[in-house]
Amino acid sequence: MKKKWNICVIKGDGVGIELIDEALRLIENSKINIAITHASAGFGAYEKYGTPLPRETIDVCKKSDAILFGAVTTPPHIEGYFSPIVRLRKLLQLYANIRPIFSLPIKNTAKNVDLLIVRENTQGLYSGIERKIADGFCAERIITKTASLNILSHAFALAKTRRKKVTVVHKANVLRLTDGLFLDCAKQIAQENNDIEWNDMLVDSCAMQLIKNPQIFDVIVTTNMFGDILSDEAAALVGGLGIAASANIGKKNALFEPVHGSAPKYTGKNKVNPLATFFAVGMMFAYLGEYALARNLKKYITHSIKQKVTTYDLGGSATTSQVSDYIIDQCAI
C-alpha cells in the first residue's frame, strides 16, 4: 500500500486562499494518498490570533511531510507583525530556496531557458537584525561558514542531476568579508565535486547575463537577497510571477509556494493565474517521490498554455477556475 503523506496546507490571504482552493481540487483529482491538515498564517491570522504565525501552525508544520503555503499579506509598519514565511524558513531551517526557471510556450518570452536559482534562505539581509544609528538605521547582513557550505553543497548536488554546471554569484570585490567567505566556501565545495564545472560571477554581471544570455546558466547559487532579486528577474524572462513557484528545503521539512503576492485588489474576481500554485504542487509531488504525477502535471500545464487556456497576464481571457478546470480535467483522464 502506498504511503499516506501528511500535508499541512496554509491558504494565506487574498487570492492565496482562492488559489490554494484550486490546488486542493487538483490534488484531490490526482488521487495521491494525502492527509491534509489546515493551519493559519498571514494577516488574517494576525487579526484573529494576534500573530501572523500561531504556535499551532508551527507545530503542525514540523510534523508534516510537506507544507503547501499560499500567498500572504505582509503590510509594513504594524506593531507585532512579521513575515510568516521568512519566520517559518528560519524556524524549520529551510536553508535552500529552489526556483526553477524554464521556458514555456508563452509569446514574447525567452526560449531554451532551463536553470535553477538556489538561494541561501535563512541569513543574509533577511536575518532581520536592524538597529538605530546617528542619522538613520543599519541592517546587518549575516553570512556564516556553516550556512554557506550547506547551500553550496545543495547546489552542487542538484547540478549532478542536471547539466553539471554551477555559477556562484557574489559581490566579493566590495563585500570582502561576507561574500569573500561565501566564495571561499564555494572553492572548497568545488574541490570536493571535481566532476562539476563551475565559475563565479559578480551579481551585477549575472543580472545582465540573465537578460542577454540566460541559456548559459544551469544552476545559479547565491546568498539570500541576491537570490531573491535574481529569481524574480529571471521569472520575467519566461512568463512572470504568475508561473513562478519555489521550494524551501531543509533537512527535516519542506515548504512549497507560489512566489507572487496576495493581490488584494483581485480577491474574489476569479482572475488571477493559478499556474504558479500548480507548479508549486508539482514541486511538492516530486519532493514526495511522486515523480509521475509531477511530470504529468507539468505536461498538462504546458498543454493548457499551448491551447491558449490562460489568464490575462499570459495574454488569454480564461478565468482562474477555467484554467484550473482545464488542467484538472486533463489530470483525470
C-alpha atoms as a PDB file:
ATOM      1  CA  MET A   1       0.000   0.000   0.000  1.00  0.00           C
ATOM      2  CA  LYS A   2       1.307   3.446  -0.929  1.00  0.00           C
ATOM      3  CA  LYS A   3       2.405   5.730   1.866  1.00  0.00           C
ATOM      4  CA  LYS A   4      -0.088   8.344   3.036  1.00  0.00           C
ATOM      5  CA  TRP A   5       1.554  11.773   3.036  1.00  0.00           C
ATOM      6  CA  ASN A   6       0.724  14.276   5.771  1.00  0.00           C
ATOM      7  CA  ILE A   7       0.446  17.723   4.203  1.00  0.00           C
ATOM      8  CA  CYS A   8      -0.008  21.000   6.037  1.00  0.00           C
ATOM      9  CA  VAL A   9      -1.992  23.488   3.938  1.00  0.00           C
ATOM     10  CA  ILE A  10      -1.792  27.211   4.718  1.00  0.00           C
ATOM     11  CA  LYS A  11      -4.138  29.163   2.469  1.00  0.00           C
ATOM     12  CA  GLY A  12      -2.813  32.621   3.357  1.00  0.00           C
ATOM     13  CA  ASP A  13      -4.599  35.834   2.431  1.00  0.00           C
ATOM     14  CA  GLY A  14      -6.313  37.456  -0.544  1.00  0.00           C
ATOM     15  CA  VAL A  15      -6.013  35.457  -3.740  1.00  0.00           C
ATOM     16  CA  GLY A  16      -3.815  32.982  -1.884  1.00  0.00           C
ATOM     17  CA  ILE A  17      -6.970  31.460  -0.400  1.00  0.00           C
ATOM     18  CA  GLU A  18      -8.663  31.117  -3.793  1.00  0.00           C
ATOM     19  CA  LEU A  19      -5.595  29.625  -5.479  1.00  0.00           C
ATOM     20  CA  ILE A  20      -4.938  27.089  -2.743  1.00  0.00           C
ATOM     21  CA  ASP A  21      -8.592  26.036  -3.041  1.00  0.00           C
ATOM     22  CA  GLU A  22      -7.920  25.347  -6.729  1.00  0.00           C
ATOM     23  CA  ALA A  23      -4.759  23.450  -5.787  1.00  0.00           C
ATOM     24  CA  LEU A  24      -6.741  21.295  -3.364  1.00  0.00           C
ATOM     25  CA  ARG A  25      -9.127  20.379  -6.171  1.00  0.00           C
ATOM     26  CA  LEU A  26      -6.110  19.451  -8.289  1.00  0.00           C
ATOM     27  CA  ILE A  27      -4.613  17.294  -5.520  1.00  0.00           C
ATOM     28  CA  GLU A  28      -7.915  15.536  -4.937  1.00  0.00           C
ATOM     29  CA  ASN A  29      -8.233  14.678  -8.615  1.00  0.00           C
ATOM     30  CA  SER A  30      -4.615  13.494  -8.776  1.00  0.00           C
ATOM     31  CA  LYS A  31      -5.592  10.607  -6.490  1.00  0.00           C
ATOM     32  CA  ILE A  32      -2.428  10.913  -4.412  1.00  0.00           C
ATOM     33  CA  ASN A  33      -2.703   9.370  -0.945  1.00  0.00           C
ATOM     34  CA  ILE A  34      -2.667  12.515   1.204  1.00  0.00           C
ATOM     35  CA  ALA A  35      -3.978  13.523   4.614  1.00  0.00           C
ATOM     36  CA  ILE A  36      -4.409  17.300   4.788  1.00  0.00           C
ATOM     37  CA  THR A  37      -4.246  19.430   7.920  1.00  0.00           C
ATOM     38  CA  HIS A  38      -5.175  23.096   7.602  1.00  0.00           C
ATOM     39  CA  ALA A  39      -3.276  25.788   9.502  1.00  0.00           C
ATOM     40  CA  SER A  40      -3.283  29.599   9.573  1.00  0.00           C
ATOM     41  CA  ALA A  41      -0.666  32.215   8.752  1.00  0.00           C
ATOM     42  CA  GLY A  42      -0.672  35.746   7.406  1.00  0.00           C
ATOM     43  CA  PHE A  43      -2.621  38.911   8.032  1.00  0.00           C
ATOM     44  CA  GLY A  44      -5.902  37.083   8.598  1.00  0.00           C
ATOM     45  CA  ALA A  45      -4.202  35.010  11.289  1.00  0.00           C
ATOM     46  CA  TYR A  46      -2.829  38.187  12.846  1.00  0.00           C
ATOM     47  CA  GLU A  47      -6.296  39.722  13.019  1.00  0.00           C
ATOM     48  CA  LYS A  48      -7.736  36.577  14.563  1.00  0.00           C
ATOM     49  CA  TYR A  49      -4.933  35.384  16.853  1.00  0.00           C
ATOM     50  CA  GLY A  50      -2.722  38.452  17.347  1.00  0.00           C
ATOM     51  CA  THR A  51       0.192  36.860  15.473  1.00  0.00           C
ATOM     52  CA  PRO A  52       0.780  36.129  11.775  1.00  0.00           C
ATOM     53  CA  LEU A  53       2.247  32.724  12.691  1.00  0.00           C
ATOM     54  CA  PRO A  54       0.423  30.943  15.532  1.00  0.00           C
ATOM     55  CA  ARG A  55       2.270  28.370  17.625  1.00  0.00           C
ATOM     56  CA  GLU A  56      -0.196  25.694  16.496  1.00  0.00           C
ATOM     57  CA  THR A  57       0.766  26.337  12.871  1.00  0.00           C
ATOM     58  CA  ILE A  58       4.454  25.875  13.629  1.00  0.00           C
ATOM     59  CA  ASP A  59       3.739  22.599  15.432  1.00  0.00           C
ATOM     60  CA  VAL A  60       1.671  21.237  12.522  1.00  0.00           C
ATOM     61  CA  CYS A  61       4.365  22.264  10.021  1.00  0.00           C
ATOM     62  CA  LYS A  62       7.064  20.443  11.976  1.00  0.00           C
ATOM     63  CA  LYS A  63       5.068  17.196  11.922  1.00  0.00           C
ATOM     64  CA  SER A  64       4.161  17.352   8.220  1.00  0.00           C
ATOM     65  CA  ASP A  65       5.814  15.616   5.298  1.00  0.00           C
ATOM     66  CA  ALA A  66       5.387  18.822   3.287  1.00  0.00           C
ATOM     67  CA  ILE A  67       3.778  22.248   3.537  1.00  0.00           C
ATOM     68  CA  LEU A  68       1.767  23.969   0.800  1.00  0.00           C
ATOM     69  CA  PHE A  69       1.818  27.693   1.526  1.00  0.00           C
ATOM     70  CA  GLY A  70      -0.434  30.244  -0.181  1.00  0.00           C
ATOM     71  CA  ALA A  71       0.353  33.907  -0.727  1.00  0.00           C
ATOM     72  CA  VAL A  72       0.082  36.057   2.405  1.00  0.00           C
ATOM     73  CA  THR A  73      -0.255  39.771   3.045  1.00  0.00           C
ATOM     74  CA  THR A  74       2.697  41.321   4.881  1.00  0.00           C
ATOM     75  CA  PRO A  75       1.876  45.009   5.448  1.00  0.00           C
ATOM     76  CA  PRO A  76       4.602  47.303   6.807  1.00  0.00           C
ATOM     77  CA  HIS A  77       4.506  49.400   9.981  1.00  0.00           C
ATOM     78  CA  ILE A  78       2.164  47.184  12.011  1.00  0.00           C
ATOM     79  CA  GLU A  79       3.346  46.579  15.556  1.00  0.00           C
ATOM     80  CA  GLY A  80       3.958  42.910  16.289  1.00  0.00           C
ATOM     81  CA  TYR A  81       3.678  41.885  12.649  1.00  0.00           C
ATOM     82  CA  PHE A  82       6.388  39.965  10.789  1.00  0.00           C
ATOM     83  CA  SER A  83       6.669  37.948   7.599  1.00  0.00           C
ATOM     84  CA  PRO A  84       5.381  34.467   8.447  1.00  0.00           C
ATOM     85  CA  ILE A  85       7.164  32.821   5.532  1.00  0.00           C
ATOM     86  CA  VAL A  86      10.544  34.315   6.500  1.00  0.00           C
ATOM     87  CA  ARG A  87       9.978  33.239  10.102  1.00  0.00           C
ATOM     88  CA  LEU A  88       8.983  29.703   9.064  1.00  0.00           C
ATOM     89  CA  ARG A  89      12.106  29.358   6.929  1.00  0.00           C
ATOM     90  CA  LYS A  90      14.229  30.114   9.976  1.00  0.00           C
ATOM     91  CA  LEU A  91      12.257  28.059  12.494  1.00  0.00           C
ATOM     92  CA  LEU A  92      12.195  24.964  10.258  1.00  0.00           C
ATOM     93  CA  GLN A  93      15.736  25.562   8.973  1.00  0.00           C
ATOM     94  CA  LEU A  94      14.569  25.557   5.360  1.00  0.00           C
ATOM     95  CA  TYR A  95      18.015  26.626   4.257  1.00  0.00           C
ATOM     96  CA  ALA A  96      17.615  26.090   0.490  1.00  0.00           C
ATOM     97  CA  ASN A  97      15.235  28.068  -1.691  1.00  0.00           C
ATOM     98  CA  ILE A  98      14.939  26.478  -5.129  1.00  0.00           C
ATOM     99  CA  ARG A  99      13.459  28.450  -8.035  1.00  0.00           C
ATOM    100  CA  PRO A 100      13.186  26.594 -11.366  1.00  0.00           C
ATOM    101  CA  ILE A 101      13.185  28.905 -14.379  1.00  0.00           C
ATOM    102  CA  PHE A 102      12.255  27.259 -17.680  1.00  0.00           C
ATOM    103  CA  SER A 103      10.786  28.285 -20.996  1.00  0.00           C
ATOM    104  CA  LEU A 104       7.114  27.657 -21.691  1.00  0.00           C
ATOM    105  CA  PRO A 105       5.180  28.174 -24.955  1.00  0.00           C
ATOM    106  CA  ILE A 106       4.339  31.758 -23.999  1.00  0.00           C
ATOM    107  CA  LYS A 107       4.556  34.514 -26.598  1.00  0.00           C
ATOM    108  CA  ASN A 108       7.403  37.044 -26.351  1.00  0.00           C
ATOM    109  CA  THR A 109       9.401  35.133 -23.728  1.00  0.00           C
ATOM    110  CA  ALA A 110      12.950  33.772 -23.776  1.00  0.00           C
ATOM    111  CA  LYS A 111      13.413  30.403 -25.453  1.00  0.00           C
ATOM    112  CA  ASN A 112      15.548  27.411 -24.443  1.00  0.00           C
ATOM    113  CA  VAL A 113      15.940  28.561 -20.840  1.00  0.00           C
ATOM    114  CA  ASP A 114      16.283  25.834 -18.208  1.00  0.00           C
ATOM    115  CA  LEU A 115      18.003  26.854 -14.990  1.00  0.00           C
ATOM    116  CA  LEU A 116      17.735  26.644 -11.213  1.00  0.00           C
ATOM    117  CA  ILE A 117      18.384  29.507  -8.831  1.00  0.00           C
ATOM    118  CA  VAL A 118      19.488  28.095  -5.485  1.00  0.00           C
ATOM    119  CA  ARG A 119      19.334  30.728  -2.767  1.00  0.00           C
ATOM    120  CA  GLU A 120      20.510  30.591   0.844  1.00  0.00           C
ATOM    121  CA  ASN A 121      17.259  31.008   2.731  1.00  0.00           C
ATOM    122  CA  THR A 122      17.934  31.782   6.390  1.00  0.00           C
ATOM    123  CA  GLN A 123      20.577  34.508   6.645  1.00  0.00           C
ATOM    124  CA  GLY A 124      21.884  37.496   4.692  1.00  0.00           C
ATOM    125  CA  LEU A 125      19.932  40.729   4.921  1.00  0.00           C
ATOM    126  CA  TYR A 126      16.834  38.694   5.767  1.00  0.00           C
ATOM    127  CA  SER A 127      18.323  37.937   9.181  1.00  0.00           C
ATOM    128  CA  GLY A 128      16.164  40.878  10.294  1.00  0.00           C
ATOM    129  CA  ILE A 129      18.825  42.442  12.504  1.00  0.00           C
ATOM    130  CA  GLU A 130      18.377  46.204  12.309  1.00  0.00           C
ATOM    131  CA  ARG A 131      19.407  48.990  14.659  1.00  0.00           C
ATOM    132  CA  LYS A 132      19.308  52.769  15.006  1.00  0.00           C
ATOM    133  CA  ILE A 133      22.365  54.779  14.060  1.00  0.00           C
ATOM    134  CA  ALA A 134      23.008  58.501  14.300  1.00  0.00           C
ATOM    135  CA  ASP A 135      21.230  59.574  11.127  1.00  0.00           C
ATOM    136  CA  GLY A 136      19.099  56.552  10.260  1.00  0.00           C
ATOM    137  CA  PHE A 137      19.192  52.783  10.605  1.00  0.00           C
ATOM    138  CA  CYS A 138      21.563  49.912   9.900  1.00  0.00           C
ATOM    139  CA  ALA A 139      20.664  46.390   8.694  1.00  0.00           C
ATOM    140  CA  GLU A 140      23.208  43.632   9.331  1.00  0.00           C
ATOM    141  CA  ARG A 141      23.980  41.061   6.624  1.00  0.00           C
ATOM    142  CA  ILE A 142      24.813  37.743   8.268  1.00  0.00           C
ATOM    143  CA  ILE A 143      26.880  35.209   6.289  1.00  0.00           C
ATOM    144  CA  THR A 144      28.263  32.159   8.126  1.00  0.00           C
ATOM    145  CA  LYS A 145      30.528  29.344   7.006  1.00  0.00           C
ATOM    146  CA  THR A 146      28.013  26.663   8.051  1.00  0.00           C
ATOM    147  CA  ALA A 147      25.122  28.161   6.082  1.00  0.00           C
ATOM    148  CA  SER A 148      27.335  28.846   3.060  1.00  0.00           C
ATOM    149  CA  LEU A 149      28.655  25.282   2.938  1.00  0.00           C
ATOM    150  CA  ASN A 150      25.118  23.910   3.309  1.00  0.00           C
ATOM    151  CA  ILE A 151      23.667  25.857   0.400  1.00  0.00           C
ATOM    152  CA  LEU A 152      26.694  25.356  -1.848  1.00  0.00           C
ATOM    153  CA  SER A 153      26.692  21.600  -1.194  1.00  0.00           C
ATOM    154  CA  HIS A 154      22.979  21.513  -2.051  1.00  0.00           C
ATOM    155  CA  ALA A 155      23.553  23.410  -5.300  1.00  0.00           C
ATOM    156  CA  PHE A 156      26.401  21.151  -6.423  1.00  0.00           C
ATOM    157  CA  ALA A 157      24.311  18.071  -5.602  1.00  0.00           C
ATOM    158  CA  LEU A 158      21.449  19.421  -7.728  1.00  0.00           C
ATOM    159  CA  ALA A 159      23.868  20.125 -10.576  1.00  0.00           C
ATOM    160  CA  LYS A 160      24.809  16.411 -10.629  1.00  0.00           C
ATOM    161  CA  THR A 161      21.199  15.647 -11.622  1.00  0.00           C
ATOM    162  CA  ARG A 162      21.246  18.247 -14.412  1.00  0.00           C
ATOM    163  CA  ARG A 163      23.977  19.518 -16.780  1.00  0.00           C
ATOM    164  CA  LYS A 164      26.724  19.572 -14.132  1.00  0.00           C
ATOM    165  CA  LYS A 165      27.411  23.300 -14.197  1.00  0.00           C
ATOM    166  CA  VAL A 166      27.289  25.733 -11.254  1.00  0.00           C
ATOM    167  CA  THR A 167      27.621  29.518 -11.263  1.00  0.00           C
ATOM    168  CA  VAL A 168      28.434  31.004  -7.855  1.00  0.00           C
ATOM    169  CA  VAL A 169      27.117  34.573  -7.620  1.00  0.00           C
ATOM    170  CA  HIS A 170      28.579  37.081  -5.145  1.00  0.00           C
ATOM    171  CA  LYS A 171      29.921  40.610  -4.666  1.00  0.00           C
ATOM    172  CA  ALA A 172      33.228  39.741  -3.023  1.00  0.00           C
ATOM    173  CA  ASN A 173      35.013  42.648  -4.700  1.00  0.00           C
ATOM    174  CA  VAL A 174      33.048  45.004  -2.415  1.00  0.00           C
ATOM    175  CA  LEU A 175      31.711  42.790   0.392  1.00  0.00           C
ATOM    176  CA  ARG A 176      35.149  41.342   1.045  1.00  0.00           C
ATOM    177  CA  LEU A 177      34.428  39.601   4.339  1.00  0.00           C
ATOM    178  CA  THR A 178      30.886  38.261   3.903  1.00  0.00           C
ATOM    179  CA  ASP A 179      30.963  37.396   0.210  1.00  0.00           C
ATOM    180  CA  GLY A 180      34.655  36.627   0.500  1.00  0.00           C
ATOM    181  CA  LEU A 181      33.694  33.845   2.919  1.00  0.00           C
ATOM    182  CA  PHE A 182      30.929  32.658   0.583  1.00  0.00           C
ATOM    183  CA  LEU A 183      33.363  32.470  -2.342  1.00  0.00           C
ATOM    184  CA  ASP A 184      35.986  30.634  -0.251  1.00  0.00           C
ATOM    185  CA  CYS A 185      33.339  28.082   0.725  1.00  0.00           C
ATOM    186  CA  ALA A 186      32.441  27.680  -2.949  1.00  0.00           C
ATOM    187  CA  LYS A 187      36.052  26.848  -3.772  1.00  0.00           C
ATOM    188  CA  GLN A 188      36.086  24.224  -1.035  1.00  0.00           C
ATOM    189  CA  ILE A 189      32.885  22.562  -2.263  1.00  0.00           C
ATOM    190  CA  ALA A 190      34.092  22.711  -5.879  1.00  0.00           C
ATOM    191  CA  GLN A 191      37.262  20.815  -4.916  1.00  0.00           C
ATOM    192  CA  GLU A 192      35.085  18.102  -3.356  1.00  0.00           C
ATOM    193  CA  ASN A 193      32.998  17.882  -6.553  1.00  0.00           C
ATOM    194  CA  ASN A 194      35.558  17.952  -9.339  1.00  0.00           C
ATOM    195  CA  ASP A 195      33.091  16.380 -11.797  1.00  0.00           C
ATOM    196  CA  ILE A 196      31.121  19.676 -11.750  1.00  0.00           C
ATOM    197  CA  GLU A 197      32.108  22.578 -13.994  1.00  0.00           C
ATOM    198  CA  TRP A 198      31.865  25.805 -12.027  1.00  0.00           C
ATOM    199  CA  ASN A 199      32.571  29.503 -12.276  1.00  0.00           C
ATOM    200  CA  ASP A 200      31.923  32.576 -10.159  1.00  0.00           C
ATOM    201  CA  MET A 201      30.227  35.778 -11.278  1.00  0.00           C
ATOM    202  CA  LEU A 202      29.562  39.174  -9.744  1.00  0.00           C
ATOM    203  CA  VAL A 203      25.868  39.690  -9.041  1.00  0.00           C
ATOM    204  CA  ASP A 204      25.557  42.700 -11.346  1.00  0.00           C
ATOM    205  CA  SER A 205      27.181  40.761 -14.187  1.00  0.00           C
ATOM    206  CA  CYS A 206      24.827  37.856 -13.524  1.00  0.00           C
ATOM    207  CA  ALA A 207      21.822  40.184 -13.627  1.00  0.00           C
ATOM    208  CA  MET A 208      22.926  41.423 -17.047  1.00  0.00           C
ATOM    209  CA  GLN A 209      23.691  37.938 -18.408  1.00  0.00           C
ATOM    210  CA  LEU A 210      20.273  36.670 -17.306  1.00  0.00           C
ATOM    211  CA  ILE A 211      18.771  39.219 -19.677  1.00  0.00           C
ATOM    212  CA  LYS A 212      21.298  38.897 -22.512  1.00  0.00           C
ATOM    213  CA  ASN A 213      22.092  35.201 -22.489  1.00  0.00           C
ATOM    214  CA  PRO A 214      20.093  33.171 -19.924  1.00  0.00           C
ATOM    215  CA  GLN A 215      20.759  29.933 -21.814  1.00  0.00           C
ATOM    216  CA  ILE A 216      24.338  29.811 -20.472  1.00  0.00           C
ATOM    217  CA  PHE A 217      23.159  29.027 -16.931  1.00  0.00           C
ATOM    218  CA  ASP A 218      22.365  25.678 -15.359  1.00  0.00           C
ATOM    219  CA  VAL A 219      22.486  26.089 -11.552  1.00  0.00           C
ATOM    220  CA  ILE A 220      22.998  29.529 -10.001  1.00  0.00           C
ATOM    221  CA  VAL A 221      23.776  29.578  -6.271  1.00  0.00           C
ATOM    222  CA  THR A 222      23.938  32.733  -4.200  1.00  0.00           C
ATOM    223  CA  THR A 223      23.078  34.476  -0.951  1.00  0.00           C
ATOM    224  CA  ASN A 224      19.608  35.400   0.265  1.00  0.00           C
ATOM    225  CA  MET A 225      18.906  38.904  -1.055  1.00  0.00           C
ATOM    226  CA  PHE A 226      20.814  38.409  -4.310  1.00  0.00           C
ATOM    227  CA  GLY A 227      18.874  35.210  -4.934  1.00  0.00           C
ATOM    228  CA  ASP A 228      15.557  36.876  -4.205  1.00  0.00           C
ATOM    229  CA  ILE A 229      16.184  39.627  -6.741  1.00  0.00           C
ATOM    230  CA  LEU A 230      17.726  37.433  -9.447  1.00  0.00           C
ATOM    231  CA  SER A 231      14.956  34.843  -9.264  1.00  0.00           C
ATOM    232  CA  ASP A 232      12.223  37.444  -9.794  1.00  0.00           C
ATOM    233  CA  GLU A 233      14.234  38.944 -12.651  1.00  0.00           C
ATOM    234  CA  ALA A 234      14.629  35.511 -14.227  1.00  0.00           C
ATOM    235  CA  ALA A 235      10.903  34.772 -13.857  1.00  0.00           C
ATOM    236  CA  ALA A 236      10.188  37.785 -16.069  1.00  0.00           C
ATOM    237  CA  LEU A 237      12.042  36.034 -18.903  1.00  0.00           C
ATOM    238  CA  VAL A 238       9.638  33.099 -19.011  1.00  0.00           C
ATOM    239  CA  GLY A 239       6.203  34.471 -18.173  1.00  0.00           C
ATOM    240  CA  GLY A 240       6.394  36.421 -14.921  1.00  0.00           C
ATOM    241  CA  LEU A 241       5.384  35.740 -11.341  1.00  0.00           C
ATOM    242  CA  GLY A 242       2.106  34.178 -12.438  1.00  0.00           C
ATOM    243  CA  ILE A 243       4.017  30.995 -13.273  1.00  0.00           C
ATOM    244  CA  ALA A 244       6.798  31.219 -10.657  1.00  0.00           C
ATOM    245  CA  ALA A 245       6.973  28.738  -7.790  1.00  0.00           C
ATOM    246  CA  SER A 246       9.608  27.808  -5.251  1.00  0.00           C
ATOM    247  CA  ALA A 247      10.618  25.024  -2.915  1.00  0.00           C
ATOM    248  CA  ASN A 248      12.035  25.729   0.544  1.00  0.00           C
ATOM    249  CA  ILE A 249      14.023  22.676   1.595  1.00  0.00           C
ATOM    250  CA  GLY A 250      15.529  21.705   4.948  1.00  0.00           C
ATOM    251  CA  LYS A 251      16.911  18.517   6.427  1.00  0.00           C
ATOM    252  CA  LYS A 252      13.559  17.610   8.054  1.00  0.00           C
ATOM    253  CA  ASN A 253      10.874  19.765   6.423  1.00  0.00           C
ATOM    254  CA  ALA A 254       9.939  21.251   3.058  1.00  0.00           C
ATOM    255  CA  LEU A 255       7.590  24.058   2.056  1.00  0.00           C
ATOM    256  CA  PHE A 256       6.243  24.830  -1.420  1.00  0.00           C
ATOM    257  CA  GLU A 257       4.746  28.139  -2.522  1.00  0.00           C
ATOM    258  CA  PRO A 258       3.863  30.401  -5.419  1.00  0.00           C
ATOM    259  CA  VAL A 259       6.076  33.451  -5.138  1.00  0.00           C
ATOM    260  CA  HIS A 260       3.566  36.141  -6.115  1.00  0.00           C
ATOM    261  CA  GLY A 261       1.766  38.237  -3.529  1.00  0.00           C
ATOM    262  CA  SER A 262      -1.752  38.073  -2.153  1.00  0.00           C
ATOM    263  CA  ALA A 263      -3.035  40.713  -4.657  1.00  0.00           C
ATOM    264  CA  PRO A 264      -5.951  42.015  -2.543  1.00  0.00           C
ATOM    265  CA  LYS A 265      -7.359  44.072  -5.421  1.00  0.00           C
ATOM    266  CA  TYR A 266      -8.046  40.856  -7.364  1.00  0.00           C
ATOM    267  CA  THR A 267      -9.641  38.948  -4.493  1.00  0.00           C
ATOM    268  CA  GLY A 268     -12.952  37.398  -5.498  1.00  0.00           C
ATOM    269  CA  LYS A 269     -12.610  38.354  -9.173  1.00  0.00           C
ATOM    270  CA  ASN A 270     -11.713  34.861 -10.459  1.00  0.00           C
ATOM    271  CA  LYS A 271      -8.963  36.500 -12.482  1.00  0.00           C
ATOM    272  CA  VAL A 272      -5.521  35.545 -11.199  1.00  0.00           C
ATOM    273  CA  ASN A 273      -3.247  32.914 -12.675  1.00  0.00           C
ATOM    274  CA  PRO A 274      -3.311  29.551 -10.830  1.00  0.00           C
ATOM    275  CA  LEU A 275      -0.264  28.144 -12.627  1.00  0.00           C
ATOM    276  CA  ALA A 276       2.342  29.281 -10.060  1.00  0.00           C
ATOM    277  CA  THR A 277       0.389  27.476  -7.352  1.00  0.00           C
ATOM    278  CA  PHE A 278       0.021  24.405  -9.583  1.00  0.00           C
ATOM    279  CA  PHE A 279       3.760  24.386 -10.271  1.00  0.00           C
ATOM    280  CA  ALA A 280       4.322  24.553  -6.501  1.00  0.00           C
ATOM    281  CA  VAL A 281       2.110  21.468  -6.161  1.00  0.00           C
ATOM    282  CA  GLY A 282       4.192  19.761  -8.849  1.00  0.00           C
ATOM    283  CA  MET A 283       7.399  20.502  -6.950  1.00  0.00           C
ATOM    284  CA  MET A 284       5.766  19.073  -3.832  1.00  0.00           C
ATOM    285  CA  PHE A 285       4.816  15.908  -5.724  1.00  0.00           C
ATOM    286  CA  ALA A 286       8.438  15.478  -6.866  1.00  0.00           C
ATOM    287  CA  TYR A 287       9.768  16.023  -3.342  1.00  0.00           C
ATOM    288  CA  LEU A 288       7.431  13.295  -2.061  1.00  0.00           C
ATOM    289  CA  GLY A 289       8.720  10.917  -4.727  1.00  0.00           C
ATOM    290  CA  GLU A 290       5.547  11.096  -6.823  1.00  0.00           C
ATOM    291  CA  TYR A 291       7.566  11.731  -9.964  1.00  0.00           C
ATOM    292  CA  ALA A 292       4.979  10.572 -12.497  1.00  0.00           C
ATOM    293  CA  LEU A 293       2.406  12.953 -11.032  1.00  0.00           C
ATOM    294  CA  ALA A 294       4.916  15.806 -11.149  1.00  0.00           C
ATOM    295  CA  ARG A 295       5.837  15.117 -14.791  1.00  0.00           C
ATOM    296  CA  ASN A 296       2.224  14.793 -15.870  1.00  0.00           C
ATOM    297  CA  LEU A 297       1.181  17.996 -14.147  1.00  0.00           C
ATOM    298  CA  LYS A 298       3.931  19.952 -15.898  1.00  0.00           C
ATOM    299  CA  LYS A 299       2.816  18.384 -19.199  1.00  0.00           C
ATOM    300  CA  TYR A 300      -0.809  19.364 -18.625  1.00  0.00           C
ATOM    301  CA  ILE A 301       0.111  22.914 -17.641  1.00  0.00           C
ATOM    302  CA  THR A 302       2.235  23.256 -20.788  1.00  0.00           C
ATOM    303  CA  HIS A 303      -0.636  21.875 -22.871  1.00  0.00           C
ATOM    304  CA  SER A 304      -3.049  24.433 -21.403  1.00  0.00           C
ATOM    305  CA  ILE A 305      -0.695  27.228 -22.462  1.00  0.00           C
ATOM    306  CA  LYS A 306      -0.338  25.780 -25.968  1.00  0.00           C
ATOM    307  CA  GLN A 307      -4.128  25.647 -26.223  1.00  0.00           C
ATOM    308  CA  LYS A 308      -4.273  29.303 -25.061  1.00  0.00           C
ATOM    309  CA  VAL A 309      -6.306  28.436 -21.979  1.00  0.00           C
ATOM    310  CA  THR A 310      -4.602  31.149 -19.947  1.00  0.00           C
ATOM    311  CA  THR A 311      -5.421  34.123 -17.764  1.00  0.00           C
ATOM    312  CA  TYR A 312      -4.972  37.774 -18.738  1.00  0.00           C
ATOM    313  CA  ASP A 313      -1.306  38.011 -17.635  1.00  0.00           C
ATOM    314  CA  LEU A 314      -0.324  35.440 -20.286  1.00  0.00           C
ATOM    315  CA  GLY A 315      -2.457  37.093 -22.951  1.00  0.00           C
ATOM    316  CA  GLY A 316      -5.529  34.886 -22.527  1.00  0.00           C
ATOM    317  CA  SER A 317      -9.111  35.525 -21.500  1.00  0.00           C
ATOM    318  CA  ALA A 318      -9.770  32.499 -19.263  1.00  0.00           C
ATOM    319  CA  THR A 319     -10.745  32.852 -15.615  1.00  0.00           C
ATOM    320  CA  THR A 320      -8.888  31.255 -12.719  1.00  0.00           C
ATOM    321  CA  SER A 321     -11.448  28.465 -12.483  1.00  0.00           C
ATOM    322  CA  GLN A 322     -11.482  27.855 -16.249  1.00  0.00           C
ATOM    323  CA  VAL A 323      -7.704  27.326 -16.307  1.00  0.00           C
ATOM    324  CA  SER A 324      -7.953  25.095 -13.253  1.00  0.00           C
ATOM    325  CA  ASP A 325     -10.830  23.079 -14.710  1.00  0.00           C
ATOM    326  CA  TYR A 326      -8.928  22.502 -17.940  1.00  0.00           C
ATOM    327  CA  ILE A 327      -5.826  21.176 -16.171  1.00  0.00           C
ATOM    328  CA  ILE A 328      -7.783  19.150 -13.600  1.00  0.00           C
ATOM    329  CA  ASP A 329      -9.813  17.542 -16.394  1.00  0.00           C
ATOM    330  CA  GLN A 330      -6.551  16.533 -18.082  1.00  0.00           C
ATOM    331  CA  CYS A 331      -5.285  15.027 -14.824  1.00  0.00           C
ATOM    332  CA  ALA A 332      -8.458  12.934 -14.549  1.00  0.00           C
ATOM    333  CA  ILE A 333      -8.017  11.322 -17.994  1.00  0.00           C
END
